[in-house]
mmCIF file of all heavy atoms, coordinates in Angstrom:
data_MODEL
# 
_entry.id   MODEL 
# 
loop_
_atom_site.group_PDB 
_atom_site.id 
_atom_site.type_symbol 
_atom_site.label_atom_id 
_atom_site.label_alt_id 
_atom_site.label_comp_id 
_atom_site.label_asym_id 
_atom_site.label_entity_id 
_atom_site.label_seq_id 
_atom_site.pdbx_PDB_ins_code 
_atom_site.Cartn_x 
_atom_site.Cartn_y 
_atom_site.Cartn_z 
_atom_site.occupancy 
_atom_site.B_iso_or_equiv 
_atom_site.pdbx_formal_charge 
_atom_site.auth_seq_id 
_atom_site.auth_comp_id 
_atom_site.auth_asym_id 
_atom_site.auth_atom_id 
_atom_site.pdbx_PDB_model_num 
ATOM 1   N N   . TYR A 1 1  ? 0.842  -1.207 0.000   1.00 0.00 ? 1  TYR A N   1 
ATOM 2   C CA  . TYR A 1 1  ? 0.000  0.000  0.000   1.00 0.00 ? 1  TYR A CA  1 
ATOM 3   C C   . TYR A 1 1  ? 0.876  1.256  0.000   1.00 0.00 ? 1  TYR A C   1 
ATOM 4   O O   . TYR A 1 1  ? 2.079  1.185  0.196   1.00 0.00 ? 1  TYR A O   1 
ATOM 5   C CB  . TYR A 1 1  ? -0.924 0.023  1.218   1.00 0.00 ? 1  TYR A CB  1 
ATOM 6   C CG  . TYR A 1 1  ? -0.208 0.118  2.550   1.00 0.00 ? 1  TYR A CG  1 
ATOM 7   C CD1 . TYR A 1 1  ? 0.147  1.352  3.092   1.00 0.00 ? 1  TYR A CD1 1 
ATOM 8   C CD2 . TYR A 1 1  ? 0.121  -1.038 3.272   1.00 0.00 ? 1  TYR A CD2 1 
ATOM 9   C CE1 . TYR A 1 1  ? 0.815  1.431  4.314   1.00 0.00 ? 1  TYR A CE1 1 
ATOM 10  C CE2 . TYR A 1 1  ? 0.784  -0.969 4.479   1.00 0.00 ? 1  TYR A CE2 1 
ATOM 11  C CZ  . TYR A 1 1  ? 1.124  0.275  4.998   1.00 0.00 ? 1  TYR A CZ  1 
ATOM 12  O OH  . TYR A 1 1  ? 1.779  0.348  6.196   1.00 0.00 ? 1  TYR A OH  1 
ATOM 13  N N   . GLY A 1 2  ? 0.229  2.412  -0.232  1.00 0.00 ? 2  GLY A N   1 
ATOM 14  C CA  . GLY A 1 2  ? 0.900  3.705  -0.108  1.00 0.00 ? 2  GLY A CA  1 
ATOM 15  C C   . GLY A 1 2  ? 1.587  4.209  -1.354  1.00 0.00 ? 2  GLY A C   1 
ATOM 16  O O   . GLY A 1 2  ? 2.243  5.253  -1.323  1.00 0.00 ? 2  GLY A O   1 
ATOM 17  N N   . LEU A 1 3  ? 1.425  3.514  -2.485  1.00 0.00 ? 3  LEU A N   1 
ATOM 18  C CA  . LEU A 1 3  ? 2.152  3.882  -3.691  1.00 0.00 ? 3  LEU A CA  1 
ATOM 19  C C   . LEU A 1 3  ? 1.692  5.224  -4.275  1.00 0.00 ? 3  LEU A C   1 
ATOM 20  O O   . LEU A 1 3  ? 2.470  5.933  -4.919  1.00 0.00 ? 3  LEU A O   1 
ATOM 21  C CB  . LEU A 1 3  ? 1.989  2.777  -4.741  1.00 0.00 ? 3  LEU A CB  1 
ATOM 22  C CG  . LEU A 1 3  ? 2.939  2.779  -5.922  1.00 0.00 ? 3  LEU A CG  1 
ATOM 23  C CD1 . LEU A 1 3  ? 4.382  2.706  -5.450  1.00 0.00 ? 3  LEU A CD1 1 
ATOM 24  C CD2 . LEU A 1 3  ? 2.625  1.621  -6.856  1.00 0.00 ? 3  LEU A CD2 1 
ATOM 25  N N   . ALA A 1 4  ? 0.444  5.598  -4.029  1.00 0.00 ? 4  ALA A N   1 
ATOM 26  C CA  . ALA A 1 4  ? -0.094 6.836  -4.609  1.00 0.00 ? 4  ALA A CA  1 
ATOM 27  C C   . ALA A 1 4  ? 0.642  8.081  -4.110  1.00 0.00 ? 4  ALA A C   1 
ATOM 28  O O   . ALA A 1 4  ? 0.567  9.142  -4.734  1.00 0.00 ? 4  ALA A O   1 
ATOM 29  C CB  . ALA A 1 4  ? -1.584 6.957  -4.288  1.00 0.00 ? 4  ALA A CB  1 
ATOM 30  N N   . GLY A 1 5  ? 1.371  7.950  -3.013  1.00 0.00 ? 5  GLY A N   1 
ATOM 31  C CA  . GLY A 1 5  ? 2.082  9.105  -2.465  1.00 0.00 ? 5  GLY A CA  1 
ATOM 32  C C   . GLY A 1 5  ? 3.119  9.692  -3.392  1.00 0.00 ? 5  GLY A C   1 
ATOM 33  O O   . GLY A 1 5  ? 3.506  10.858 -3.241  1.00 0.00 ? 5  GLY A O   1 
ATOM 34  N N   . ILE A 1 6  ? 3.584  8.919  -4.377  1.00 0.00 ? 6  ILE A N   1 
ATOM 35  C CA  . ILE A 1 6  ? 4.603  9.462  -5.278  1.00 0.00 ? 6  ILE A CA  1 
ATOM 36  C C   . ILE A 1 6  ? 4.050  10.597 -6.138  1.00 0.00 ? 6  ILE A C   1 
ATOM 37  O O   . ILE A 1 6  ? 4.822  11.429 -6.631  1.00 0.00 ? 6  ILE A O   1 
ATOM 38  C CB  . ILE A 1 6  ? 5.221  8.373  -6.176  1.00 0.00 ? 6  ILE A CB  1 
ATOM 39  C CG1 . ILE A 1 6  ? 4.188  7.751  -7.107  1.00 0.00 ? 6  ILE A CG1 1 
ATOM 40  C CG2 . ILE A 1 6  ? 5.901  7.311  -5.330  1.00 0.00 ? 6  ILE A CG2 1 
ATOM 41  C CD1 . ILE A 1 6  ? 4.803  6.770  -8.098  1.00 0.00 ? 6  ILE A CD1 1 
ATOM 42  N N   . TRP A 1 7  ? 2.713  10.655 -6.314  1.00 0.00 ? 7  TRP A N   1 
ATOM 43  C CA  . TRP A 1 7  ? 2.124  11.764 -7.079  1.00 0.00 ? 7  TRP A CA  1 
ATOM 44  C C   . TRP A 1 7  ? 2.332  13.097 -6.372  1.00 0.00 ? 7  TRP A C   1 
ATOM 45  O O   . TRP A 1 7  ? 2.344  14.152 -7.019  1.00 0.00 ? 7  TRP A O   1 
ATOM 46  C CB  . TRP A 1 7  ? 0.632  11.525 -7.300  1.00 0.00 ? 7  TRP A CB  1 
ATOM 47  C CG  . TRP A 1 7  ? 0.334  10.509 -8.350  1.00 0.00 ? 7  TRP A CG  1 
ATOM 48  C CD1 . TRP A 1 7  ? 0.037  9.188  -8.163  1.00 0.00 ? 7  TRP A CD1 1 
ATOM 49  C CD2 . TRP A 1 7  ? 0.311  10.721 -9.764  1.00 0.00 ? 7  TRP A CD2 1 
ATOM 50  N NE1 . TRP A 1 7  ? -0.162 8.569  -9.370  1.00 0.00 ? 7  TRP A NE1 1 
ATOM 51  C CE2 . TRP A 1 7  ? -0.008 9.480  -10.381 1.00 0.00 ? 7  TRP A CE2 1 
ATOM 52  C CE3 . TRP A 1 7  ? 0.522  11.842 -10.574 1.00 0.00 ? 7  TRP A CE3 1 
ATOM 53  C CZ2 . TRP A 1 7  ? -0.120 9.335  -11.762 1.00 0.00 ? 7  TRP A CZ2 1 
ATOM 54  C CZ3 . TRP A 1 7  ? 0.424  11.692 -11.956 1.00 0.00 ? 7  TRP A CZ3 1 
ATOM 55  C CH2 . TRP A 1 7  ? 0.108  10.463 -12.529 1.00 0.00 ? 7  TRP A CH2 1 
ATOM 56  N N   . LEU A 1 8  ? 2.489  13.063 -5.076  1.00 0.00 ? 8  LEU A N   1 
ATOM 57  C CA  . LEU A 1 8  ? 2.760  14.286 -4.314  1.00 0.00 ? 8  LEU A CA  1 
ATOM 58  C C   . LEU A 1 8  ? 4.257  14.487 -4.103  1.00 0.00 ? 8  LEU A C   1 
ATOM 59  O O   . LEU A 1 8  ? 4.784  15.586 -4.297  1.00 0.00 ? 8  LEU A O   1 
ATOM 60  C CB  . LEU A 1 8  ? 2.053  14.229 -2.955  1.00 0.00 ? 8  LEU A CB  1 
ATOM 61  C CG  . LEU A 1 8  ? 2.322  15.396 -1.987  1.00 0.00 ? 8  LEU A CG  1 
ATOM 62  C CD1 . LEU A 1 8  ? 1.788  16.695 -2.581  1.00 0.00 ? 8  LEU A CD1 1 
ATOM 63  C CD2 . LEU A 1 8  ? 1.688  15.123 -0.634  1.00 0.00 ? 8  LEU A CD2 1 
ATOM 64  N N   . VAL A 1 9  ? 4.946  13.429 -3.729  1.00 0.00 ? 9  VAL A N   1 
ATOM 65  C CA  . VAL A 1 9  ? 6.357  13.526 -3.333  1.00 0.00 ? 9  VAL A CA  1 
ATOM 66  C C   . VAL A 1 9  ? 7.245  14.028 -4.463  1.00 0.00 ? 9  VAL A C   1 
ATOM 67  O O   . VAL A 1 9  ? 8.047  14.952 -4.284  1.00 0.00 ? 9  VAL A O   1 
ATOM 68  C CB  . VAL A 1 9  ? 6.858  12.154 -2.822  1.00 0.00 ? 9  VAL A CB  1 
ATOM 69  C CG1 . VAL A 1 9  ? 8.383  12.097 -2.807  1.00 0.00 ? 9  VAL A CG1 1 
ATOM 70  C CG2 . VAL A 1 9  ? 6.312  11.890 -1.426  1.00 0.00 ? 9  VAL A CG2 1 
ATOM 71  N N   . ILE A 1 10 ? 7.118  13.433 -5.650  1.00 0.00 ? 10 ILE A N   1 
ATOM 72  C CA  . ILE A 1 10 ? 8.037  13.791 -6.733  1.00 0.00 ? 10 ILE A CA  1 
ATOM 73  C C   . ILE A 1 10 ? 7.885  15.250 -7.168  1.00 0.00 ? 10 ILE A C   1 
ATOM 74  O O   . ILE A 1 10 ? 8.878  15.990 -7.199  1.00 0.00 ? 10 ILE A O   1 
ATOM 75  C CB  . ILE A 1 10 ? 7.864  12.828 -7.923  1.00 0.00 ? 10 ILE A CB  1 
ATOM 76  C CG1 . ILE A 1 10 ? 8.290  11.415 -7.518  1.00 0.00 ? 10 ILE A CG1 1 
ATOM 77  C CG2 . ILE A 1 10 ? 8.697  13.302 -9.121  1.00 0.00 ? 10 ILE A CG2 1 
ATOM 78  C CD1 . ILE A 1 10 ? 8.090  10.374 -8.601  1.00 0.00 ? 10 ILE A CD1 1 
ATOM 79  N N   . PRO A 1 11 ? 6.665  15.735 -7.494  1.00 0.00 ? 11 PRO A N   1 
ATOM 80  C CA  . PRO A 1 11 ? 6.565  17.146 -7.911  1.00 0.00 ? 11 PRO A CA  1 
ATOM 81  C C   . PRO A 1 11 ? 7.008  18.126 -6.837  1.00 0.00 ? 11 PRO A C   1 
ATOM 82  O O   . PRO A 1 11 ? 7.686  19.118 -7.129  1.00 0.00 ? 11 PRO A O   1 
ATOM 83  C CB  . PRO A 1 11 ? 5.072  17.315 -8.227  1.00 0.00 ? 11 PRO A CB  1 
ATOM 84  C CG  . PRO A 1 11 ? 4.559  15.949 -8.448  1.00 0.00 ? 11 PRO A CG  1 
ATOM 85  C CD  . PRO A 1 11 ? 5.365  15.051 -7.571  1.00 0.00 ? 11 PRO A CD  1 
ATOM 86  N N   . VAL A 1 12 ? 6.638  17.871 -5.582  1.00 0.00 ? 12 VAL A N   1 
ATOM 87  C CA  . VAL A 1 12 ? 6.973  18.815 -4.502  1.00 0.00 ? 12 VAL A CA  1 
ATOM 88  C C   . VAL A 1 12 ? 8.477  18.954 -4.348  1.00 0.00 ? 12 VAL A C   1 
ATOM 89  O O   . VAL A 1 12 ? 9.019  20.073 -4.319  1.00 0.00 ? 12 VAL A O   1 
ATOM 90  C CB  . VAL A 1 12 ? 6.327  18.364 -3.168  1.00 0.00 ? 12 VAL A CB  1 
ATOM 91  C CG1 . VAL A 1 12 ? 6.944  19.126 -1.997  1.00 0.00 ? 12 VAL A CG1 1 
ATOM 92  C CG2 . VAL A 1 12 ? 4.824  18.586 -3.205  1.00 0.00 ? 12 VAL A CG2 1 
ATOM 93  N N   . PHE A 1 13 ? 9.187  17.842 -4.289  1.00 0.00 ? 13 PHE A N   1 
ATOM 94  C CA  . PHE A 1 13 ? 10.623 17.932 -4.037  1.00 0.00 ? 13 PHE A CA  1 
ATOM 95  C C   . PHE A 1 13 ? 11.414 18.351 -5.273  1.00 0.00 ? 13 PHE A C   1 
ATOM 96  O O   . PHE A 1 13 ? 12.460 18.993 -5.140  1.00 0.00 ? 13 PHE A O   1 
ATOM 97  C CB  . PHE A 1 13 ? 11.140 16.616 -3.456  1.00 0.00 ? 13 PHE A CB  1 
ATOM 98  C CG  . PHE A 1 13 ? 10.758 16.429 -2.021  1.00 0.00 ? 13 PHE A CG  1 
ATOM 99  C CD1 . PHE A 1 13 ? 9.856  15.449 -1.646  1.00 0.00 ? 13 PHE A CD1 1 
ATOM 100 C CD2 . PHE A 1 13 ? 11.285 17.252 -1.033  1.00 0.00 ? 13 PHE A CD2 1 
ATOM 101 C CE1 . PHE A 1 13 ? 9.486  15.291 -0.320  1.00 0.00 ? 13 PHE A CE1 1 
ATOM 102 C CE2 . PHE A 1 13 ? 10.918 17.100 0.293   1.00 0.00 ? 13 PHE A CE2 1 
ATOM 103 C CZ  . PHE A 1 13 ? 10.016 16.119 0.651   1.00 0.00 ? 13 PHE A CZ  1 
ATOM 104 N N   . VAL A 1 14 ? 10.928 18.041 -6.466  1.00 0.00 ? 14 VAL A N   1 
ATOM 105 C CA  . VAL A 1 14 ? 11.589 18.548 -7.670  1.00 0.00 ? 14 VAL A CA  1 
ATOM 106 C C   . VAL A 1 14 ? 11.481 20.074 -7.717  1.00 0.00 ? 14 VAL A C   1 
ATOM 107 O O   . VAL A 1 14 ? 12.467 20.770 -8.007  1.00 0.00 ? 14 VAL A O   1 
ATOM 108 C CB  . VAL A 1 14 ? 10.979 17.924 -8.940  1.00 0.00 ? 14 VAL A CB  1 
ATOM 109 C CG1 . VAL A 1 14 ? 11.472 18.658 -10.185 1.00 0.00 ? 14 VAL A CG1 1 
ATOM 110 C CG2 . VAL A 1 14 ? 11.354 16.456 -9.039  1.00 0.00 ? 14 VAL A CG2 1 
ATOM 111 N N   . VAL A 1 15 ? 10.303 20.591 -7.428  1.00 0.00 ? 15 VAL A N   1 
ATOM 112 C CA  . VAL A 1 15 ? 10.104 22.047 -7.436  1.00 0.00 ? 15 VAL A CA  1 
ATOM 113 C C   . VAL A 1 15 ? 10.956 22.719 -6.361  1.00 0.00 ? 15 VAL A C   1 
ATOM 114 O O   . VAL A 1 15 ? 11.643 23.720 -6.622  1.00 0.00 ? 15 VAL A O   1 
ATOM 115 C CB  . VAL A 1 15 ? 8.613  22.394 -7.253  1.00 0.00 ? 15 VAL A CB  1 
ATOM 116 C CG1 . VAL A 1 15 ? 8.432  23.886 -6.983  1.00 0.00 ? 15 VAL A CG1 1 
ATOM 117 C CG2 . VAL A 1 15 ? 7.822  21.980 -8.492  1.00 0.00 ? 15 VAL A CG2 1 
ATOM 118 N N   . LEU A 1 16 ? 10.928 22.193 -5.137  1.00 0.00 ? 16 LEU A N   1 
ATOM 119 C CA  . LEU A 1 16 ? 11.716 22.788 -4.060  1.00 0.00 ? 16 LEU A CA  1 
ATOM 120 C C   . LEU A 1 16 ? 13.210 22.751 -4.377  1.00 0.00 ? 16 LEU A C   1 
ATOM 121 O O   . LEU A 1 16 ? 13.934 23.732 -4.137  1.00 0.00 ? 16 LEU A O   1 
ATOM 122 C CB  . LEU A 1 16 ? 11.443 22.056 -2.743  1.00 0.00 ? 16 LEU A CB  1 
ATOM 123 C CG  . LEU A 1 16 ? 10.082 22.297 -2.097  1.00 0.00 ? 16 LEU A CG  1 
ATOM 124 C CD1 . LEU A 1 16 ? 9.886  21.368 -0.899  1.00 0.00 ? 16 LEU A CD1 1 
ATOM 125 C CD2 . LEU A 1 16 ? 9.932  23.752 -1.662  1.00 0.00 ? 16 LEU A CD2 1 
ATOM 126 N N   . ALA A 1 17 ? 13.684 21.640 -4.918  1.00 0.00 ? 17 ALA A N   1 
ATOM 127 C CA  . ALA A 1 17 ? 15.108 21.516 -5.242  1.00 0.00 ? 17 ALA A CA  1 
ATOM 128 C C   . ALA A 1 17 ? 15.490 22.453 -6.373  1.00 0.00 ? 17 ALA A C   1 
ATOM 129 O O   . ALA A 1 17 ? 16.496 23.173 -6.286  1.00 0.00 ? 17 ALA A O   1 
ATOM 130 C CB  . ALA A 1 17 ? 15.439 20.070 -5.614  1.00 0.00 ? 17 ALA A CB  1 
ATOM 131 N N   . ALA A 1 18 ? 14.703 22.487 -7.454  1.00 0.00 ? 18 ALA A N   1 
ATOM 132 C CA  . ALA A 1 18 ? 15.033 23.312 -8.612  1.00 0.00 ? 18 ALA A CA  1 
ATOM 133 C C   . ALA A 1 18 ? 14.934 24.797 -8.300  1.00 0.00 ? 18 ALA A C   1 
ATOM 134 O O   . ALA A 1 18 ? 15.711 25.601 -8.827  1.00 0.00 ? 18 ALA A O   1 
ATOM 135 C CB  . ALA A 1 18 ? 14.122 22.960 -9.784  1.00 0.00 ? 18 ALA A CB  1 
ATOM 136 N N   . PHE A 1 19 ? 13.989 25.185 -7.428  1.00 0.00 ? 19 PHE A N   1 
ATOM 137 C CA  . PHE A 1 19 ? 13.853 26.591 -7.070  1.00 0.00 ? 19 PHE A CA  1 
ATOM 138 C C   . PHE A 1 19 ? 14.794 26.990 -5.935  1.00 0.00 ? 19 PHE A C   1 
ATOM 139 O O   . PHE A 1 19 ? 14.793 28.137 -5.501  1.00 0.00 ? 19 PHE A O   1 
ATOM 140 C CB  . PHE A 1 19 ? 12.401 26.926 -6.726  1.00 0.00 ? 19 PHE A CB  1 
ATOM 141 C CG  . PHE A 1 19 ? 11.537 27.126 -7.940  1.00 0.00 ? 19 PHE A CG  1 
ATOM 142 C CD1 . PHE A 1 19 ? 10.864 26.068 -8.511  1.00 0.00 ? 19 PHE A CD1 1 
ATOM 143 C CD2 . PHE A 1 19 ? 11.433 28.369 -8.531  1.00 0.00 ? 19 PHE A CD2 1 
ATOM 144 C CE1 . PHE A 1 19 ? 10.089 26.230 -9.644  1.00 0.00 ? 19 PHE A CE1 1 
ATOM 145 C CE2 . PHE A 1 19 ? 10.666 28.562 -9.663  1.00 0.00 ? 19 PHE A CE2 1 
ATOM 146 C CZ  . PHE A 1 19 ? 9.984  27.492 -10.233 1.00 0.00 ? 19 PHE A CZ  1 
ATOM 147 N N   . SER A 1 20 ? 15.597 26.037 -5.459  1.00 0.00 ? 20 SER A N   1 
ATOM 148 C CA  . SER A 1 20 ? 16.718 26.370 -4.578  1.00 0.00 ? 20 SER A CA  1 
ATOM 149 C C   . SER A 1 20 ? 17.948 26.643 -5.429  1.00 0.00 ? 20 SER A C   1 
ATOM 150 O O   . SER A 1 20 ? 18.661 27.628 -5.235  1.00 0.00 ? 20 SER A O   1 
ATOM 151 C CB  . SER A 1 20 ? 17.003 25.215 -3.616  1.00 0.00 ? 20 SER A CB  1 
ATOM 152 O OG  . SER A 1 20 ? 15.927 25.002 -2.739  1.00 0.00 ? 20 SER A OG  1 
ATOM 153 N N   . LYS A 1 21 ? 18.193 25.758 -6.384  1.00 0.00 ? 21 LYS A N   1 
ATOM 154 C CA  . LYS A 1 21 ? 19.233 25.934 -7.404  1.00 0.00 ? 21 LYS A CA  1 
ATOM 155 C C   . LYS A 1 21 ? 18.877 25.007 -8.548  1.00 0.00 ? 21 LYS A C   1 
ATOM 156 O O   . LYS A 1 21 ? 18.413 23.889 -8.322  1.00 0.00 ? 21 LYS A O   1 
ATOM 157 C CB  . LYS A 1 21 ? 20.621 25.610 -6.845  1.00 0.00 ? 21 LYS A CB  1 
ATOM 158 C CG  . LYS A 1 21 ? 21.753 25.999 -7.763  1.00 0.00 ? 21 LYS A CG  1 
ATOM 159 C CD  . LYS A 1 21 ? 23.111 25.790 -7.105  1.00 0.00 ? 21 LYS A CD  1 
ATOM 160 C CE  . LYS A 1 21 ? 24.229 26.241 -8.038  1.00 0.00 ? 21 LYS A CE  1 
ATOM 161 N NZ  . LYS A 1 21 ? 25.572 26.066 -7.403  1.00 0.00 ? 21 LYS A NZ  1 
ATOM 162 N N   . GLU A 1 22 ? 19.134 25.478 -9.763  1.00 0.00 ? 22 GLU A N   1 
ATOM 163 C CA  . GLU A 1 22 ? 18.611 24.780 -10.940 1.00 0.00 ? 22 GLU A CA  1 
ATOM 164 C C   . GLU A 1 22 ? 19.063 23.324 -11.056 1.00 0.00 ? 22 GLU A C   1 
ATOM 165 O O   . GLU A 1 22 ? 18.356 22.504 -11.646 1.00 0.00 ? 22 GLU A O   1 
ATOM 166 C CB  . GLU A 1 22 ? 18.994 25.552 -12.208 1.00 0.00 ? 22 GLU A CB  1 
ATOM 167 C CG  . GLU A 1 22 ? 18.244 26.855 -12.405 1.00 0.00 ? 22 GLU A CG  1 
ATOM 168 C CD  . GLU A 1 22 ? 18.685 27.970 -11.456 1.00 0.00 ? 22 GLU A CD  1 
ATOM 169 O OE1 . GLU A 1 22 ? 19.729 27.806 -10.770 1.00 0.00 ? 22 GLU A OE1 1 
ATOM 170 O OE2 . GLU A 1 22 ? 18.000 29.008 -11.390 1.00 0.00 ? 22 GLU A OE2 1 
ATOM 171 N N   . ASN A 1 23 ? 20.211 22.973 -10.515 1.00 0.00 ? 23 ASN A N   1 
ATOM 172 C CA  . ASN A 1 23 ? 20.654 21.584 -10.630 1.00 0.00 ? 23 ASN A CA  1 
ATOM 173 C C   . ASN A 1 23 ? 19.798 20.627 -9.806  1.00 0.00 ? 23 ASN A C   1 
ATOM 174 O O   . ASN A 1 23 ? 20.001 19.417 -9.846  1.00 0.00 ? 23 ASN A O   1 
ATOM 175 C CB  . ASN A 1 23 ? 22.135 21.427 -10.263 1.00 0.00 ? 23 ASN A CB  1 
ATOM 176 C CG  . ASN A 1 23 ? 22.440 21.851 -8.839  1.00 0.00 ? 23 ASN A CG  1 
ATOM 177 O OD1 . ASN A 1 23 ? 21.555 22.236 -8.079  1.00 0.00 ? 23 ASN A OD1 1 
ATOM 178 N ND2 . ASN A 1 23 ? 23.702 21.778 -8.468  1.00 0.00 ? 23 ASN A ND2 1 
ATOM 179 N N   . GLY A 1 24 ? 18.819 21.164 -9.086  1.00 0.00 ? 24 GLY A N   1 
ATOM 180 C CA  . GLY A 1 24 ? 17.875 20.315 -8.360  1.00 0.00 ? 24 GLY A CA  1 
ATOM 181 C C   . GLY A 1 24 ? 17.045 19.428 -9.271  1.00 0.00 ? 24 GLY A C   1 
ATOM 182 O O   . GLY A 1 24 ? 16.492 18.415 -8.823  1.00 0.00 ? 24 GLY A O   1 
ATOM 183 N N   . VAL A 1 25 ? 16.958 19.766 -10.575 1.00 0.00 ? 25 VAL A N   1 
ATOM 184 C CA  . VAL A 1 25 ? 16.204 18.914 -11.504 1.00 0.00 ? 25 VAL A CA  1 
ATOM 185 C C   . VAL A 1 25 ? 16.884 17.553 -11.664 1.00 0.00 ? 25 VAL A C   1 
ATOM 186 O O   . VAL A 1 25 ? 16.278 16.617 -12.200 1.00 0.00 ? 25 VAL A O   1 
ATOM 187 C CB  . VAL A 1 25 ? 16.033 19.580 -12.889 1.00 0.00 ? 25 VAL A CB  1 
ATOM 188 C CG1 . VAL A 1 25 ? 15.222 20.860 -12.772 1.00 0.00 ? 25 VAL A CG1 1 
ATOM 189 C CG2 . VAL A 1 25 ? 17.380 19.833 -13.546 1.00 0.00 ? 25 VAL A CG2 1 
ATOM 190 N N   . LEU A 1 26 ? 18.124 17.427 -11.192 1.00 0.00 ? 26 LEU A N   1 
ATOM 191 C CA  . LEU A 1 26 ? 18.807 16.131 -11.241 1.00 0.00 ? 26 LEU A CA  1 
ATOM 192 C C   . LEU A 1 26 ? 18.105 15.084 -10.386 1.00 0.00 ? 26 LEU A C   1 
ATOM 193 O O   . LEU A 1 26 ? 18.387 13.886 -10.509 1.00 0.00 ? 26 LEU A O   1 
ATOM 194 C CB  . LEU A 1 26 ? 20.260 16.275 -10.773 1.00 0.00 ? 26 LEU A CB  1 
ATOM 195 C CG  . LEU A 1 26 ? 21.188 17.026 -11.727 1.00 0.00 ? 26 LEU A CG  1 
ATOM 196 C CD1 . LEU A 1 26 ? 22.557 17.214 -11.090 1.00 0.00 ? 26 LEU A CD1 1 
ATOM 197 C CD2 . LEU A 1 26 ? 21.312 16.296 -13.054 1.00 0.00 ? 26 LEU A CD2 1 
# 
């Protein structure tokens, strides 16, 4: 169970990382 959480986790942390510094898209 719990697999649906990736729909929230991936976009949130990609945005936070990239808007901290662009190499966060890695």
